[in-house]
Protein backbone atom coordinates (compact mmCIF):
# COMPACT_ATOMS: atom_id res chain seq x y z
CA MET A 1 0.00 0.00 0.00
CA ILE A 2 1.08 3.57 -0.74
CA VAL A 3 0.70 6.71 1.36
CA VAL A 4 1.00 10.22 -0.09
CA THR A 5 2.09 12.99 2.28
CA ASN A 6 -0.18 15.88 3.09
CA PRO A 7 0.97 18.78 0.84
CA PHE A 8 1.06 20.95 3.97
CA SER A 9 3.12 20.38 7.10
CA VAL A 10 1.63 18.12 9.77
CA GLU A 11 2.61 18.12 13.43
CA ASN A 12 5.00 15.25 14.27
CA GLU A 13 4.83 14.25 10.60
CA THR A 14 8.17 12.49 10.24
CA ASN A 15 7.61 10.59 13.52
CA MET A 16 4.28 9.37 12.18
CA ILE A 17 5.97 8.41 8.90
CA GLN A 18 8.49 6.31 10.83
CA SER A 19 5.58 4.59 12.60
CA LEU A 20 3.88 3.90 9.25
CA PHE A 21 7.06 2.28 7.94
CA ALA A 22 7.30 0.22 11.13
CA GLU A 23 3.76 -1.04 10.41
CA GLY A 24 4.71 -2.19 6.90
CA LEU A 25 4.17 0.84 4.64
CA SER A 26 5.77 -0.09 1.31
CA LEU A 27 6.05 3.33 -0.35
CA LEU A 28 5.72 6.95 0.76
CA HIS A 29 5.19 9.63 -1.88
CA ILE A 30 6.64 12.93 -0.68
CA ARG A 31 4.42 15.53 -2.25
CA LYS A 32 5.30 18.94 -0.80
CA PRO A 33 4.85 21.36 -3.72
CA ASP A 34 5.67 24.45 -1.65
CA PHE A 35 8.85 23.10 -0.07
CA SER A 36 12.15 24.74 -1.01
CA GLU A 37 15.04 22.41 -1.77
CA LEU A 38 16.42 23.05 1.72
CA GLU A 39 13.09 22.28 3.39
CA MET A 40 12.81 19.07 1.38
CA ALA A 41 16.36 18.05 2.36
CA GLU A 42 15.58 18.66 6.04
CA PHE A 43 12.37 16.65 5.77
CA ILE A 44 14.14 13.65 4.21
CA HIS A 45 16.97 13.92 6.73
CA HIS A 46 14.48 13.09 9.52
CA ILE A 47 13.51 9.79 7.87
CA LYS A 48 15.67 6.83 8.86
CA LEU A 49 18.28 5.60 6.40
CA GLU A 50 16.73 2.13 6.15
CA ASN A 51 13.50 3.63 4.81
CA ARG A 52 14.99 5.96 2.19
CA ASP A 53 14.59 3.37 -0.59
CA LYS A 54 10.81 3.48 0.06
CA LEU A 55 10.57 7.22 -0.63
CA VAL A 56 9.20 8.61 -3.90
CA LEU A 57 10.08 12.21 -4.77
CA HIS A 58 7.53 14.42 -6.53
CA ASN A 59 9.88 17.37 -6.85
CA HIS A 60 13.48 18.40 -6.09
CA HIS A 61 14.60 15.24 -7.86
CA THR A 62 18.21 16.46 -7.75
CA LEU A 63 18.32 15.62 -4.01
CA ALA A 64 17.82 11.93 -4.75
CA GLU A 65 21.44 10.83 -5.14
CA ASP A 66 22.52 12.47 -1.88
CA PHE A 67 19.82 10.63 0.04
CA GLY A 68 19.93 7.25 -1.73
CA ILE A 69 16.50 7.68 -3.29
CA ASN A 70 15.78 6.08 -6.67
CA ARG A 71 12.03 6.56 -7.08
CA PHE A 72 10.49 9.54 -8.89
CA HIS A 73 6.94 10.63 -9.56
CA PHE A 74 5.85 12.81 -12.49
CA SER A 75 2.55 14.67 -12.49
CA GLU A 76 0.29 14.39 -15.50
CA LYS A 77 1.34 17.90 -16.55
CA GLU A 78 5.07 17.08 -16.25
CA ARG A 79 4.62 13.87 -18.17
CA LYS A 80 2.79 15.56 -21.03
CA GLN A 81 5.37 18.36 -21.24
CA THR A 82 8.21 15.85 -21.52
CA HIS A 83 8.10 14.08 -24.86
CA ASP A 84 11.11 11.89 -24.12
CA SER A 85 11.38 9.23 -21.44
CA PRO A 86 11.54 10.50 -17.86
CA GLU A 87 14.73 12.21 -16.79
CA ARG A 88 17.55 9.69 -16.45
CA PHE A 89 19.82 9.42 -13.43
CA SER A 90 23.20 7.76 -12.95
CA LYS A 91 21.76 4.64 -11.34
CA PRO A 92 18.72 2.48 -12.12
CA CYS A 93 15.53 4.30 -11.13
CA ARG A 94 11.82 3.60 -10.80
CA TYR A 95 9.15 5.93 -12.16
CA SER A 96 5.49 6.56 -11.46
CA THR A 97 2.99 9.09 -12.75
CA SER A 98 -0.58 10.37 -12.38
CA THR A 99 -3.51 9.80 -14.73
CA HIS A 100 -7.16 10.86 -14.59
CA SER A 101 -8.70 8.64 -17.26
CA ILE A 102 -8.23 5.05 -18.38
CA LYS A 103 -7.52 6.36 -21.88
CA ASP A 104 -4.43 8.21 -20.63
CA PHE A 105 -3.43 5.24 -18.49
CA ASN A 106 -3.63 2.89 -21.49
CA LEU A 107 -1.35 5.22 -23.50
CA LEU A 108 1.48 5.26 -20.93
CA GLU A 109 4.97 4.26 -21.99
CA SER A 110 6.40 1.20 -20.26
CA ASP A 111 8.87 3.42 -18.34
CA PHE A 112 6.34 3.70 -15.52
CA ASP A 113 6.11 1.00 -12.84
CA TYR A 114 2.71 2.23 -11.77
CA ALA A 115 0.32 5.14 -12.17
CA PHE A 116 -2.26 6.72 -9.95
CA LEU A 117 -5.75 6.83 -11.45
CA SER A 118 -7.87 9.42 -9.67
CA PRO A 119 -10.16 10.52 -8.21
CA VAL A 120 -11.94 7.24 -7.59
CA PHE A 121 -14.17 8.68 -4.87
CA LYS A 122 -14.90 12.19 -3.59
CA SER A 123 -11.63 13.50 -2.19
CA ILE A 124 -11.18 13.61 1.59
CA SER A 125 -8.37 16.17 1.49
CA LYS A 126 -9.41 18.41 -1.45
CA GLU A 127 -12.63 20.37 -1.29
CA ASN A 128 -15.03 19.96 -4.24
CA TYR A 129 -12.77 17.38 -5.92
CA HIS A 130 -14.82 14.41 -7.04
CA PRO A 131 -14.99 11.93 -9.93
CA GLU A 132 -16.26 13.30 -13.25
CA THR A 133 -16.59 9.78 -14.63
CA ASP A 134 -17.11 6.36 -13.05
CA LEU A 135 -13.59 4.94 -12.89
CA PHE A 136 -14.95 1.53 -11.93
CA GLU A 137 -16.66 1.45 -15.34
CA GLU A 138 -13.65 2.96 -17.12
CA ILE A 139 -11.18 0.43 -15.73
CA LYS A 140 -13.07 -2.31 -17.59
CA SER A 141 -11.47 -0.80 -20.75
CA ARG A 142 -7.93 -1.29 -19.41
CA THR A 143 -5.47 -2.53 -22.04
CA ASN A 144 -2.19 -1.55 -20.32
CA TYR A 145 -1.02 -4.39 -18.07
CA LYS A 146 2.68 -3.45 -18.05
CA THR A 147 1.94 -0.60 -15.65
CA LYS A 148 0.18 -1.18 -12.32
CA VAL A 149 -2.91 0.95 -11.77
CA ILE A 150 -3.19 2.47 -8.29
CA ALA A 151 -6.48 3.92 -7.01
CA LEU A 152 -6.24 7.36 -5.45
CA GLY A 153 -8.88 9.76 -4.13
CA GLY A 154 -11.22 9.35 -1.19
CA ILE A 155 -9.99 5.89 -0.24
CA ASP A 156 -10.46 4.76 3.36
CA SER A 157 -11.23 1.62 5.37
CA GLN A 158 -14.89 1.72 4.20
CA ASN A 159 -14.16 1.42 0.48
CA ILE A 160 -10.64 0.03 0.00
CA GLN A 161 -11.94 -3.51 -0.58
CA LYS A 162 -14.27 -2.27 -3.34
CA VAL A 163 -11.25 -0.74 -5.08
CA LEU A 164 -9.32 -4.03 -5.03
CA GLN A 165 -12.38 -6.02 -6.11
CA ASN A 166 -12.85 -3.86 -9.18
CA GLY A 167 -9.56 -4.18 -11.02
CA PHE A 168 -7.15 -1.82 -9.28
CA ASP A 169 -3.78 -3.33 -8.40
CA ASP A 170 -3.33 -1.35 -5.20
CA ALA A 171 -4.49 1.80 -3.42
CA ALA A 172 -2.89 5.05 -2.27
CA LEU A 173 -4.05 6.80 0.90
CA LEU A 174 -3.87 10.53 1.57
CA GLY A 175 -6.79 12.30 3.25
CA SER A 176 -7.92 9.18 5.17
CA ILE A 177 -4.50 9.15 6.84
CA TRP A 178 -3.67 12.80 7.45
CA ASN A 179 -7.20 13.98 8.24
CA ASN A 180 -7.54 11.22 10.83
CA GLU A 181 -6.96 11.70 14.57
CA ASN A 182 -4.86 8.53 14.55
CA PRO A 183 -3.12 8.17 11.17
CA VAL A 184 -1.22 4.99 12.12
CA LYS A 185 -4.36 3.22 13.39
CA GLN A 186 -6.21 4.15 10.18
CA PHE A 187 -3.31 2.88 8.04
CA LYS A 188 -3.23 -0.43 9.93
CA LEU A 189 -6.97 -0.87 9.44
CA CYS A 190 -6.79 -0.22 5.69
CA GLN A 191 -3.75 -2.47 5.36
CA GLN A 192 -5.45 -5.29 7.27
CA ILE A 193 -8.54 -5.12 5.01
CA ALA A 194 -6.39 -5.06 1.85
CA LEU A 195 -4.16 -7.95 2.97
CA SER A 196 -7.13 -10.07 4.01
CA TYR A 197 -8.77 -9.54 0.62
CA LEU A 198 -5.55 -10.26 -1.33
CA GLN A 199 -4.87 -13.46 0.65
CA LEU A 200 -8.31 -14.73 -0.32
CA GLN A 201 -7.40 -14.26 -4.01
CA VAL A 202 -4.30 -16.49 -3.82
């Protein structure tokens, strides 16, 4: 399961992130669009070395080598502005991106390990941000199986199983974590539901 940071600072954020990793979080997307390079460096510095390979940078990609990070995310806008493959670094890297329709997802190059498809449900963290089309219907037209499709937008413990039952490979959590009084407890609950469902499919 993936967690995306709150774009704004959260009290005790890096401590909570360490707790999420301790509970089995596989990937953390650091999305802090207003952070300067120095603020981003300080933020990463507070995350333990053994978890740095689970970090995905949305911006300030040049910091990656200094911190041992090899995962990069490109927004839909960035992807469409770049006609070549994603920026290359000196060591093997992993790439992800964002999409908002199955048509765009199906057209992705094979450079991307996975892509967010959003919003699946009404957003918890963004006001007035809700699906314009039914992505559960759209995903039936999926033709791209080289790239994993990750559900994003309004996902919590009440609906995460529905997401996995309807063709998404995994889910990303944002508002359900950071808008919750106990982010770690909410993560564990979502993770437990997802793991139970996936074990039944084996």
